[in-house]
N, C-alpha and C. Protein backbone atom coordinates (compact mmCIF):
# COMPACT_ATOMS: atom_id res chain seq x y z
N MET A 1 4.93 24.61 -11.63
CA MET A 1 6.05 24.82 -10.75
C MET A 1 6.43 23.49 -10.10
N GLN A 2 7.68 23.17 -10.12
CA GLN A 2 8.21 21.90 -9.58
C GLN A 2 8.43 22.05 -8.09
N THR A 3 7.93 21.11 -7.28
CA THR A 3 8.21 21.13 -5.87
C THR A 3 9.48 20.39 -5.59
N GLN A 4 10.15 20.74 -4.53
CA GLN A 4 11.43 20.09 -4.21
C GLN A 4 11.16 18.70 -3.67
N ALA A 5 12.05 17.77 -4.03
CA ALA A 5 11.91 16.39 -3.60
C ALA A 5 11.98 16.27 -2.09
N VAL A 6 11.19 15.40 -1.52
CA VAL A 6 11.16 15.21 -0.08
C VAL A 6 12.44 14.52 0.39
N ASN A 7 13.08 13.77 -0.48
CA ASN A 7 14.25 12.99 -0.08
C ASN A 7 15.52 13.85 0.04
N GLY A 8 15.36 15.13 0.36
CA GLY A 8 16.52 15.96 0.59
C GLY A 8 16.77 16.95 -0.53
N GLY A 9 15.86 17.09 -1.44
CA GLY A 9 16.03 18.05 -2.54
C GLY A 9 16.92 17.50 -3.61
N GLY A 10 17.35 18.35 -4.49
CA GLY A 10 18.30 17.91 -5.51
C GLY A 10 17.62 17.31 -6.72
N ALA A 11 18.21 16.22 -7.22
CA ALA A 11 17.85 15.69 -8.52
C ALA A 11 16.69 14.69 -8.50
N GLY A 12 16.21 14.30 -7.36
CA GLY A 12 15.15 13.30 -7.31
C GLY A 12 13.84 13.85 -7.79
N PRO A 13 12.87 12.95 -8.06
CA PRO A 13 11.55 13.40 -8.49
C PRO A 13 10.81 14.12 -7.37
N ALA A 14 9.92 15.01 -7.74
CA ALA A 14 9.15 15.78 -6.77
C ALA A 14 8.16 14.89 -6.05
N VAL A 15 8.12 14.99 -4.73
CA VAL A 15 7.17 14.22 -3.92
C VAL A 15 6.46 15.22 -3.03
N LYS A 16 5.19 15.50 -3.31
CA LYS A 16 4.49 16.46 -2.45
C LYS A 16 3.42 15.81 -1.59
N ASP A 17 3.04 14.56 -1.89
CA ASP A 17 1.98 13.88 -1.15
C ASP A 17 2.52 12.74 -0.30
N LYS A 18 3.74 12.89 0.17
CA LYS A 18 4.40 11.83 0.95
C LYS A 18 3.57 11.46 2.17
N THR A 19 3.06 12.45 2.88
CA THR A 19 2.31 12.18 4.12
C THR A 19 1.05 11.41 3.80
N LEU A 20 0.37 11.74 2.73
CA LEU A 20 -0.83 11.05 2.34
C LEU A 20 -0.56 9.55 2.11
N GLY A 21 0.49 9.25 1.38
CA GLY A 21 0.85 7.87 1.12
C GLY A 21 1.21 7.12 2.39
N LEU A 22 1.97 7.77 3.28
CA LEU A 22 2.33 7.13 4.54
C LEU A 22 1.10 6.88 5.41
N ILE A 23 0.14 7.80 5.37
CA ILE A 23 -1.10 7.61 6.11
C ILE A 23 -1.85 6.36 5.61
N VAL A 24 -1.90 6.20 4.29
CA VAL A 24 -2.60 5.04 3.74
C VAL A 24 -1.91 3.75 4.16
N TYR A 25 -0.56 3.71 4.09
CA TYR A 25 0.16 2.52 4.57
C TYR A 25 -0.19 2.26 6.04
N GLY A 26 -0.21 3.31 6.85
CA GLY A 26 -0.55 3.18 8.26
C GLY A 26 -1.97 2.67 8.48
N LEU A 27 -2.91 3.15 7.69
CA LEU A 27 -4.28 2.71 7.80
C LEU A 27 -4.40 1.23 7.45
N TYR A 28 -3.62 0.78 6.46
CA TYR A 28 -3.63 -0.64 6.12
C TYR A 28 -3.13 -1.49 7.29
N LEU A 29 -2.06 -1.04 7.95
CA LEU A 29 -1.53 -1.81 9.07
C LEU A 29 -2.47 -1.80 10.25
N VAL A 30 -3.11 -0.66 10.52
CA VAL A 30 -4.09 -0.58 11.61
C VAL A 30 -5.30 -1.45 11.27
N GLY A 31 -5.54 -1.65 9.98
CA GLY A 31 -6.65 -2.47 9.53
C GLY A 31 -6.60 -3.91 10.03
N PHE A 32 -5.43 -4.39 10.44
CA PHE A 32 -5.34 -5.71 11.03
C PHE A 32 -6.14 -5.77 12.34
N PHE A 33 -6.31 -4.64 12.97
CA PHE A 33 -7.00 -4.62 14.28
C PHE A 33 -8.41 -4.06 14.17
N THR A 34 -8.65 -3.17 13.19
CA THR A 34 -9.97 -2.53 13.08
C THR A 34 -10.75 -2.97 11.86
N GLY A 35 -10.07 -3.35 10.79
CA GLY A 35 -10.72 -3.72 9.56
C GLY A 35 -11.15 -2.52 8.75
N VAL A 36 -11.91 -1.64 9.33
CA VAL A 36 -12.48 -0.50 8.61
C VAL A 36 -11.43 0.50 8.17
N SER A 37 -10.31 0.60 8.89
CA SER A 37 -9.30 1.59 8.50
C SER A 37 -8.66 1.25 7.16
N ALA A 38 -8.54 -0.02 6.82
CA ALA A 38 -8.03 -0.40 5.52
C ALA A 38 -8.97 0.04 4.41
N LEU A 39 -10.26 -0.06 4.67
CA LEU A 39 -11.25 0.42 3.70
C LEU A 39 -11.13 1.92 3.52
N ILE A 40 -10.96 2.66 4.60
CA ILE A 40 -10.75 4.10 4.51
C ILE A 40 -9.49 4.39 3.69
N GLY A 41 -8.43 3.62 3.92
CA GLY A 41 -7.18 3.82 3.18
C GLY A 41 -7.35 3.62 1.70
N VAL A 42 -8.06 2.58 1.28
CA VAL A 42 -8.22 2.36 -0.17
C VAL A 42 -9.12 3.42 -0.79
N ILE A 43 -10.07 3.91 -0.06
CA ILE A 43 -10.91 5.01 -0.58
C ILE A 43 -10.05 6.26 -0.78
N ILE A 44 -9.21 6.58 0.18
CA ILE A 44 -8.32 7.72 0.03
C ILE A 44 -7.41 7.53 -1.18
N ALA A 45 -6.84 6.34 -1.33
CA ALA A 45 -5.95 6.07 -2.45
C ALA A 45 -6.67 6.22 -3.79
N HIS A 46 -7.89 5.72 -3.88
CA HIS A 46 -8.65 5.86 -5.12
C HIS A 46 -8.98 7.34 -5.42
N VAL A 47 -9.40 8.08 -4.40
CA VAL A 47 -9.82 9.45 -4.58
C VAL A 47 -8.65 10.36 -4.96
N ARG A 48 -7.50 10.17 -4.33
CA ARG A 48 -6.36 11.05 -4.52
C ARG A 48 -5.43 10.62 -5.64
N ARG A 49 -5.64 9.47 -6.24
CA ARG A 49 -4.73 8.93 -7.25
C ARG A 49 -4.55 9.88 -8.44
N ALA A 50 -5.60 10.45 -8.96
CA ALA A 50 -5.53 11.26 -10.17
C ALA A 50 -4.74 12.55 -9.98
N GLU A 51 -4.71 13.07 -8.79
CA GLU A 51 -4.04 14.35 -8.57
C GLU A 51 -2.68 14.22 -7.89
N ALA A 52 -2.23 13.00 -7.69
CA ALA A 52 -0.97 12.78 -6.98
C ALA A 52 0.25 13.05 -7.86
N ASP A 53 1.35 13.41 -7.25
CA ASP A 53 2.59 13.57 -7.99
C ASP A 53 3.03 12.18 -8.48
N PRO A 54 3.95 12.12 -9.44
CA PRO A 54 4.32 10.82 -10.06
C PRO A 54 4.83 9.77 -9.07
N VAL A 55 5.62 10.17 -8.11
CA VAL A 55 6.16 9.20 -7.14
C VAL A 55 5.05 8.67 -6.26
N THR A 56 4.25 9.56 -5.72
CA THR A 56 3.15 9.12 -4.86
C THR A 56 2.14 8.31 -5.64
N ALA A 57 1.92 8.62 -6.91
CA ALA A 57 0.97 7.88 -7.74
C ALA A 57 1.36 6.42 -7.81
N THR A 58 2.67 6.11 -7.91
CA THR A 58 3.09 4.71 -7.94
C THR A 58 2.73 4.01 -6.63
N HIS A 59 2.88 4.74 -5.54
CA HIS A 59 2.53 4.16 -4.23
C HIS A 59 1.02 3.96 -4.10
N LEU A 60 0.24 4.91 -4.58
CA LEU A 60 -1.21 4.76 -4.51
C LEU A 60 -1.69 3.60 -5.36
N ASP A 61 -1.10 3.42 -6.55
CA ASP A 61 -1.41 2.24 -7.37
C ASP A 61 -1.08 0.96 -6.62
N TYR A 62 0.08 0.95 -6.03
CA TYR A 62 0.55 -0.21 -5.27
C TYR A 62 -0.40 -0.49 -4.08
N GLN A 63 -0.83 0.56 -3.41
CA GLN A 63 -1.73 0.40 -2.27
C GLN A 63 -3.10 -0.09 -2.69
N ILE A 64 -3.59 0.41 -3.82
CA ILE A 64 -4.87 -0.04 -4.33
C ILE A 64 -4.83 -1.52 -4.65
N ARG A 65 -3.77 -1.94 -5.34
CA ARG A 65 -3.62 -3.37 -5.67
C ARG A 65 -3.45 -4.20 -4.41
N THR A 66 -2.69 -3.68 -3.44
CA THR A 66 -2.49 -4.40 -2.19
C THR A 66 -3.85 -4.64 -1.50
N PHE A 67 -4.70 -3.64 -1.49
CA PHE A 67 -6.00 -3.80 -0.83
C PHE A 67 -6.85 -4.86 -1.55
N TRP A 68 -7.04 -4.72 -2.86
CA TRP A 68 -7.97 -5.60 -3.57
C TRP A 68 -7.45 -7.02 -3.68
N ILE A 69 -6.15 -7.22 -3.92
CA ILE A 69 -5.61 -8.59 -3.95
C ILE A 69 -5.64 -9.16 -2.55
N GLY A 70 -5.32 -8.34 -1.54
CA GLY A 70 -5.37 -8.80 -0.16
C GLY A 70 -6.78 -9.18 0.27
N LEU A 71 -7.77 -8.42 -0.16
CA LEU A 71 -9.16 -8.74 0.17
C LEU A 71 -9.54 -10.10 -0.44
N ALA A 72 -9.11 -10.34 -1.68
CA ALA A 72 -9.39 -11.62 -2.31
C ALA A 72 -8.72 -12.75 -1.56
N MET A 73 -7.46 -12.57 -1.17
CA MET A 73 -6.76 -13.60 -0.38
C MET A 73 -7.45 -13.84 0.96
N LEU A 74 -7.89 -12.75 1.59
CA LEU A 74 -8.56 -12.86 2.88
C LEU A 74 -9.86 -13.64 2.76
N LEU A 75 -10.63 -13.36 1.73
CA LEU A 75 -11.89 -14.10 1.53
C LEU A 75 -11.65 -15.56 1.24
N VAL A 76 -10.68 -15.85 0.36
CA VAL A 76 -10.37 -17.23 0.03
C VAL A 76 -9.86 -17.96 1.27
N GLY A 77 -8.97 -17.30 2.02
CA GLY A 77 -8.44 -17.92 3.23
C GLY A 77 -9.52 -18.18 4.25
N ALA A 78 -10.44 -17.23 4.39
CA ALA A 78 -11.56 -17.41 5.34
C ALA A 78 -12.42 -18.61 4.94
N LEU A 79 -12.73 -18.70 3.67
CA LEU A 79 -13.53 -19.82 3.19
C LEU A 79 -12.82 -21.14 3.37
N LEU A 80 -11.53 -21.14 3.05
CA LEU A 80 -10.76 -22.38 3.17
C LEU A 80 -10.33 -22.69 4.58
N SER A 81 -10.60 -21.80 5.53
CA SER A 81 -10.19 -22.07 6.91
C SER A 81 -10.98 -23.21 7.52
N LEU A 82 -12.06 -23.59 6.82
CA LEU A 82 -12.81 -24.76 7.24
C LEU A 82 -11.97 -26.03 7.08
N VAL A 83 -11.00 -25.95 6.17
CA VAL A 83 -10.00 -26.98 6.04
C VAL A 83 -8.65 -26.36 6.35
N LEU A 84 -7.68 -27.13 6.59
CA LEU A 84 -6.39 -26.65 7.10
C LEU A 84 -5.72 -25.62 6.20
N ILE A 85 -5.82 -25.75 4.91
CA ILE A 85 -5.06 -24.87 4.00
C ILE A 85 -5.44 -23.40 4.15
N GLY A 86 -6.66 -23.12 4.55
CA GLY A 86 -7.09 -21.73 4.72
C GLY A 86 -6.27 -20.94 5.72
N TRP A 87 -5.81 -21.60 6.76
CA TRP A 87 -4.99 -20.93 7.75
C TRP A 87 -3.64 -20.52 7.16
N PHE A 88 -3.12 -21.33 6.25
CA PHE A 88 -1.87 -20.98 5.57
C PHE A 88 -2.07 -19.83 4.60
N VAL A 89 -3.22 -19.80 3.97
CA VAL A 89 -3.53 -18.67 3.07
C VAL A 89 -3.63 -17.38 3.90
N LEU A 90 -4.29 -17.46 5.04
CA LEU A 90 -4.42 -16.27 5.90
C LEU A 90 -3.08 -15.81 6.45
N LEU A 91 -2.21 -16.75 6.80
CA LEU A 91 -0.88 -16.40 7.26
C LEU A 91 -0.09 -15.73 6.13
N PHE A 92 -0.18 -16.29 4.91
CA PHE A 92 0.51 -15.68 3.76
C PHE A 92 -0.03 -14.27 3.53
N TRP A 93 -1.35 -14.11 3.58
CA TRP A 93 -1.96 -12.79 3.38
C TRP A 93 -1.43 -11.76 4.39
N ALA A 94 -1.34 -12.15 5.65
CA ALA A 94 -0.87 -11.24 6.68
C ALA A 94 0.58 -10.83 6.43
N VAL A 95 1.46 -11.82 6.17
CA VAL A 95 2.86 -11.51 5.92
C VAL A 95 3.00 -10.68 4.66
N TRP A 96 2.29 -11.05 3.61
CA TRP A 96 2.32 -10.33 2.32
C TRP A 96 1.94 -8.88 2.48
N THR A 97 0.89 -8.64 3.22
CA THR A 97 0.40 -7.28 3.45
C THR A 97 1.40 -6.45 4.27
N ILE A 98 1.90 -7.03 5.32
CA ILE A 98 2.85 -6.33 6.17
C ILE A 98 4.12 -5.98 5.37
N VAL A 99 4.64 -6.93 4.63
CA VAL A 99 5.86 -6.69 3.84
C VAL A 99 5.61 -5.58 2.84
N ARG A 100 4.49 -5.62 2.12
CA ARG A 100 4.20 -4.59 1.14
C ARG A 100 4.05 -3.20 1.77
N CYS A 101 3.41 -3.15 2.93
CA CYS A 101 3.24 -1.84 3.59
C CYS A 101 4.58 -1.30 4.11
N VAL A 102 5.38 -2.15 4.72
CA VAL A 102 6.69 -1.71 5.23
C VAL A 102 7.60 -1.31 4.09
N LYS A 103 7.66 -2.16 3.05
CA LYS A 103 8.52 -1.86 1.90
C LYS A 103 8.08 -0.53 1.26
N GLY A 104 6.79 -0.40 1.02
CA GLY A 104 6.28 0.80 0.38
C GLY A 104 6.51 2.03 1.24
N GLY A 105 6.25 1.91 2.52
CA GLY A 105 6.43 3.04 3.44
C GLY A 105 7.88 3.49 3.49
N LEU A 106 8.81 2.55 3.52
CA LEU A 106 10.24 2.92 3.54
C LEU A 106 10.65 3.60 2.24
N ARG A 107 10.17 3.08 1.12
CA ARG A 107 10.52 3.68 -0.18
C ARG A 107 9.90 5.08 -0.29
N LEU A 108 8.67 5.23 0.13
CA LEU A 108 8.04 6.56 0.07
C LEU A 108 8.73 7.54 1.01
N ASN A 109 9.09 7.07 2.17
CA ASN A 109 9.80 7.94 3.12
C ASN A 109 11.12 8.44 2.54
N ASP A 110 11.75 7.62 1.70
CA ASP A 110 13.00 8.01 1.04
C ASP A 110 12.75 8.80 -0.24
N GLY A 111 11.48 9.01 -0.60
CA GLY A 111 11.14 9.75 -1.82
C GLY A 111 11.30 8.93 -3.08
N LEU A 112 11.25 7.60 -2.94
CA LEU A 112 11.46 6.69 -4.09
C LEU A 112 10.11 6.11 -4.54
N PRO A 113 9.93 5.93 -5.84
CA PRO A 113 8.70 5.31 -6.34
C PRO A 113 8.74 3.79 -6.17
N ILE A 114 7.60 3.19 -6.32
CA ILE A 114 7.52 1.73 -6.41
C ILE A 114 7.90 1.39 -7.85
N GLN A 115 8.91 0.52 -8.02
CA GLN A 115 9.41 0.24 -9.36
C GLN A 115 8.33 -0.40 -10.25
N ASP A 116 7.58 -1.35 -9.71
CA ASP A 116 6.52 -2.01 -10.50
C ASP A 116 5.30 -2.15 -9.62
N PRO A 117 4.42 -1.12 -9.63
CA PRO A 117 3.26 -1.14 -8.76
C PRO A 117 2.29 -2.29 -9.06
N ARG A 118 2.40 -2.90 -10.26
CA ARG A 118 1.49 -3.97 -10.62
C ARG A 118 2.03 -5.34 -10.25
N ALA A 119 3.24 -5.38 -9.65
CA ALA A 119 3.83 -6.67 -9.27
C ALA A 119 2.97 -7.34 -8.19
N LEU A 120 2.86 -8.63 -8.30
CA LEU A 120 2.02 -9.37 -7.35
C LEU A 120 2.74 -9.61 -6.04
N LEU A 121 4.00 -9.88 -6.09
CA LEU A 121 4.72 -10.13 -4.83
C LEU A 121 5.27 -8.85 -4.29
N TRP A 122 6.41 -8.82 -3.77
CA TRP A 122 6.92 -7.70 -3.01
C TRP A 122 7.25 -6.55 -3.92
């Protein structure tokens, strides 16, 4: 049975896990202050990925990549912070993460998939 699209019904793809995806984006943003909430978010994304509707699945893929690539940038930036360049890496990581979360959250709120969840940039 097809569920009605969250973006107002009609011809769009069915989105039934919109709230879940928005929660994960929120956990990532709160992770700037707590750290552990981002880890909770990626665990949720990994666990729920297989059963998600097609639109939400693109967001969960995007969120999983955002977490793991972001963690790598965070570690590299932290190590390089002993020299000046690390602070620029950390600044890029913060902006990159915020942009991806806001972009993804807005698209999910509109019931739209991430066009290329494997894209490295925005």
